[in-house]
Protein backbone atom coordinates (compact mmCIF):
# COMPACT_ATOMS: atom_id res chain seq x y z
CA UNK A 1 0.04 -0.10 -0.12
CA UNK A 2 1.25 3.41 -0.84
CA UNK A 3 -0.04 6.54 0.92
CA UNK A 4 0.30 8.63 -2.32
CA UNK A 5 -2.44 9.77 -4.65
CA UNK A 6 -6.03 11.31 -4.09
CA UNK A 7 -6.92 12.56 -1.04
CA UNK A 8 -9.94 14.54 0.22
CA UNK A 9 -10.84 16.76 3.07
CA UNK A 10 -14.33 17.70 4.74
CA UNK A 11 -14.47 19.70 7.64
CA UNK A 12 -14.02 16.83 9.97
CA UNK A 13 -12.83 14.09 7.90
CA UNK A 14 -9.79 13.14 5.79
CA UNK A 15 -10.45 10.37 2.93
CA UNK A 16 -6.80 9.28 2.01
CA UNK A 17 -4.70 6.40 0.83
CA UNK A 18 -4.50 3.45 2.98
CA UNK A 19 -1.43 2.84 5.20
CA UNK A 20 -0.15 -0.30 7.02
CA UNK A 21 -1.38 1.16 10.27
CA UNK A 22 -4.98 1.09 9.10
CA UNK A 23 -4.87 -2.84 8.79
CA UNK A 24 -5.21 -3.61 12.53
CA UNK A 25 -8.10 -1.35 13.04
CA UNK A 26 -9.67 -2.54 9.98
CA UNK A 27 -9.45 -5.95 10.52
CA UNK A 28 -11.19 -5.16 14.26
CA UNK A 29 -13.95 -3.27 12.35
CA UNK A 30 -14.53 -6.22 10.00
CA UNK A 31 -14.55 -8.64 12.69
CA UNK A 32 -17.15 -6.92 14.54
CA UNK A 33 -20.57 -8.80 13.92
CA UNK A 34 -22.30 -5.67 14.27
CA UNK A 35 -20.71 -3.66 12.03
CA UNK A 36 -21.13 -6.91 9.70
CA UNK A 37 -24.52 -7.37 10.18
CA UNK A 38 -25.52 -6.94 6.46
CA UNK A 39 -22.73 -9.02 5.03
CA UNK A 40 -22.52 -12.91 4.83
CA UNK A 41 -19.91 -12.98 7.67
CA UNK A 42 -17.30 -10.86 9.78
CA UNK A 43 -13.87 -11.20 7.95
CA UNK A 44 -10.98 -12.86 8.83
CA UNK A 45 -7.56 -10.80 9.25
CA UNK A 46 -6.56 -12.43 6.01
CA UNK A 47 -9.56 -11.17 4.05
CA UNK A 48 -9.83 -8.01 5.70
CA UNK A 49 -5.96 -7.23 4.69
CA UNK A 50 -6.88 -8.37 1.08
CA UNK A 51 -10.19 -6.23 0.95
CA UNK A 52 -7.77 -2.98 1.89
CA UNK A 53 -5.42 -3.92 -0.58
CA UNK A 54 -8.20 -4.06 -3.33
CA UNK A 55 -9.73 -0.88 -2.10
CA UNK A 56 -6.27 0.97 -2.33
CA UNK A 57 -5.40 -0.65 -5.54
CA UNK A 58 -8.63 0.68 -7.25
CA UNK A 59 -6.83 4.32 -7.39
CA UNK A 60 -4.11 2.62 -9.68
CA UNK A 61 -6.15 0.34 -11.69
CA UNK A 62 -9.17 2.58 -12.21
CA UNK A 63 -8.46 5.73 -11.08
CA UNK A 64 -10.96 5.55 -8.22
CA UNK A 65 -11.02 3.45 -5.05
CA UNK A 66 -12.15 3.61 -1.45
CA UNK A 67 -10.16 5.63 0.81
CA UNK A 68 -9.37 5.03 4.35
CA UNK A 69 -11.12 7.81 6.51
CA UNK A 70 -9.81 9.35 9.26
CA UNK A 71 -10.77 12.03 11.89
CA UNK A 72 -9.10 15.53 11.07
CA UNK A 73 -8.66 16.36 14.56
CA UNK A 74 -7.01 13.37 16.05
CA UNK A 75 -5.74 11.30 12.63
CA UNK A 76 -7.68 8.13 14.07
CA UNK A 77 -8.83 5.68 11.51
CA UNK A 78 -12.69 5.48 11.77
CA UNK A 79 -13.36 3.16 8.47
CA UNK A 80 -13.70 3.69 4.79
CA UNK A 81 -15.77 5.59 2.12
CA UNK A 82 -15.35 5.75 -1.44
CA UNK A 83 -16.17 4.65 -5.29
CA UNK A 84 -16.05 1.09 -6.44
CA UNK A 85 -17.28 -0.68 -9.41
CA UNK A 86 -20.67 -2.17 -9.05
CA UNK A 87 -20.89 -5.95 -8.62
CA UNK A 88 -21.55 -8.03 -11.97
CA UNK A 89 -24.92 -8.66 -12.47
CA UNK A 90 -25.99 -5.65 -10.67
CA UNK A 91 -27.06 -2.27 -12.19
CA UNK A 92 -26.00 -0.88 -15.23
CA UNK A 93 -22.67 -2.66 -16.61
CA UNK A 94 -19.62 -0.49 -15.79
CA UNK A 95 -21.57 1.35 -13.08
CA UNK A 96 -19.76 2.70 -10.07
CA UNK A 97 -21.24 2.55 -6.59
CA UNK A 98 -20.61 4.89 -3.92
CA UNK A 99 -20.09 3.02 -0.48
CA UNK A 100 -18.87 3.33 3.31
CA UNK A 101 -18.25 1.05 6.50
CA UNK A 102 -17.66 2.67 9.88
CA UNK A 103 -16.39 1.31 13.00
CA UNK A 104 -19.45 1.19 15.41
CA UNK A 105 -17.95 4.07 17.83
CA UNK A 106 -18.30 6.40 15.14
CA UNK A 107 -21.75 5.57 13.90
CA UNK A 108 -24.57 8.30 14.33
CA UNK A 109 -22.32 11.39 14.08
CA UNK A 110 -22.91 12.25 10.32
CA UNK A 111 -19.58 10.68 9.22
CA UNK A 112 -20.73 8.52 6.59
CA UNK A 113 -22.94 11.10 5.16
CA UNK A 114 -20.20 13.90 5.22
CA UNK A 115 -17.57 11.39 3.74
CA UNK A 116 -20.00 10.26 0.89
CA UNK A 117 -20.67 13.58 -0.37
CA UNK A 118 -17.17 14.33 -0.67
CA UNK A 119 -16.74 10.87 -2.68
CA UNK A 120 -19.71 12.01 -4.65
CA UNK A 121 -18.12 15.48 -5.45
CA UNK A 122 -15.12 13.37 -6.73
CA UNK A 123 -17.12 11.23 -8.85
CA UNK A 124 -18.75 13.84 -10.66
CA UNK A 125 -16.27 16.33 -10.62
CA UNK A 126 -12.82 14.95 -10.81
CA UNK A 127 -14.19 11.71 -12.65
CA UNK A 128 -16.89 13.29 -14.73
CA UNK A 129 -19.30 10.38 -14.03
CA UNK A 130 -22.95 10.58 -14.90
CA UNK A 131 -24.59 8.42 -12.34
CA UNK A 132 -23.43 6.78 -9.07
CA UNK A 133 -25.24 3.88 -7.54
CA UNK A 134 -25.49 2.45 -4.02
CA UNK A 135 -26.72 -0.94 -3.11
CA UNK A 136 -27.35 -2.43 0.35
CA UNK A 137 -29.64 -5.18 1.88
CA UNK A 138 -33.12 -4.29 2.41
CA UNK A 139 -32.69 -4.75 5.74
CA UNK A 140 -30.10 -2.12 6.19
CA UNK A 141 -32.21 0.88 6.77
CA UNK A 142 -29.09 2.74 8.23
CA UNK A 143 -27.41 2.81 4.90
CA UNK A 144 -30.56 3.52 3.21
CA UNK A 145 -30.88 6.64 5.34
CA UNK A 146 -27.34 7.83 4.32
CA UNK A 147 -28.33 7.07 0.79
CA UNK A 148 -31.26 9.37 1.13
CA UNK A 149 -29.52 12.16 2.93
CA UNK A 150 -26.96 12.28 0.17
CA UNK A 151 -29.78 13.13 -2.21
CA UNK A 152 -30.10 9.37 -3.82
CA UNK A 153 -33.32 7.82 -4.76
CA UNK A 154 -34.24 4.31 -4.72
CA UNK A 155 -34.75 2.75 -8.22
CA UNK A 156 -34.92 -0.97 -8.03
CA UNK A 157 -35.26 -3.79 -5.66
CA UNK A 158 -33.17 -7.27 -6.75
CA UNK A 159 -31.94 -10.37 -5.61
CA UNK A 160 -28.12 -9.88 -5.05
CA UNK A 161 -26.50 -12.50 -7.25
CA UNK A 162 -23.43 -13.06 -4.86
CA UNK A 163 -25.86 -13.75 -1.60
CA UNK A 164 -26.86 -17.32 -1.15
CA UNK A 165 -30.51 -17.65 -2.23
CA UNK A 166 -31.55 -18.88 1.44
CA UNK A 167 -30.00 -15.86 2.95
CA UNK A 168 -32.24 -12.91 4.67
CA UNK A 169 -29.50 -10.68 2.98
CA UNK A 170 -30.31 -11.81 -0.49
CA UNK A 171 -32.90 -8.94 -1.09
CA UNK A 172 -31.13 -5.75 -2.15
CA UNK A 173 -32.05 -2.16 -3.22
CA UNK A 174 -30.12 0.18 -5.30
CA UNK A 175 -30.26 3.91 -5.31
CA UNK A 176 -29.04 6.20 -7.79
CA UNK A 177 -28.09 9.68 -7.92
CA UNK A 178 -27.40 11.82 -11.27
CA UNK A 179 -24.73 14.13 -12.04
CA UNK A 180 -25.62 17.78 -10.86
CA UNK A 181 -26.65 19.77 -14.00
């Protein structure tokens, strides 16, 4: 992982490239059953490290990725926010989604909304995208609330192709926002 490359700042947050020091708190966050409630399972350390590498690697391969998220005041790692390709079989081919995951102590403070807005500014400004999606399990009402707060609208319900058929997490929704005119 390399700390060079695109970085964004908001009033309270820094969205930056990943550092080795992020891996331990990221693994702890991904092992938290409550944080991972709307994913098939918590992640092992190996899975978490691989996710961080893929998240950061997107900046090199696609020009966008998932930023490590830190508090400006303390430099503390609190999660990630950013842009990633939509999963195959979901939404438009080549579509991009905005996503986030925060450690539990940082929920409810508006950080996901603040960071997602910064990521959307990058998507529409720097990258010139016409549309950005966001997907989540139907049961994940907290993420859907963030989607609405950042101006997204719900456009479809679908069965996530990567989630087992019997899973309560298979029903998903996709929200979308268009580039401002």
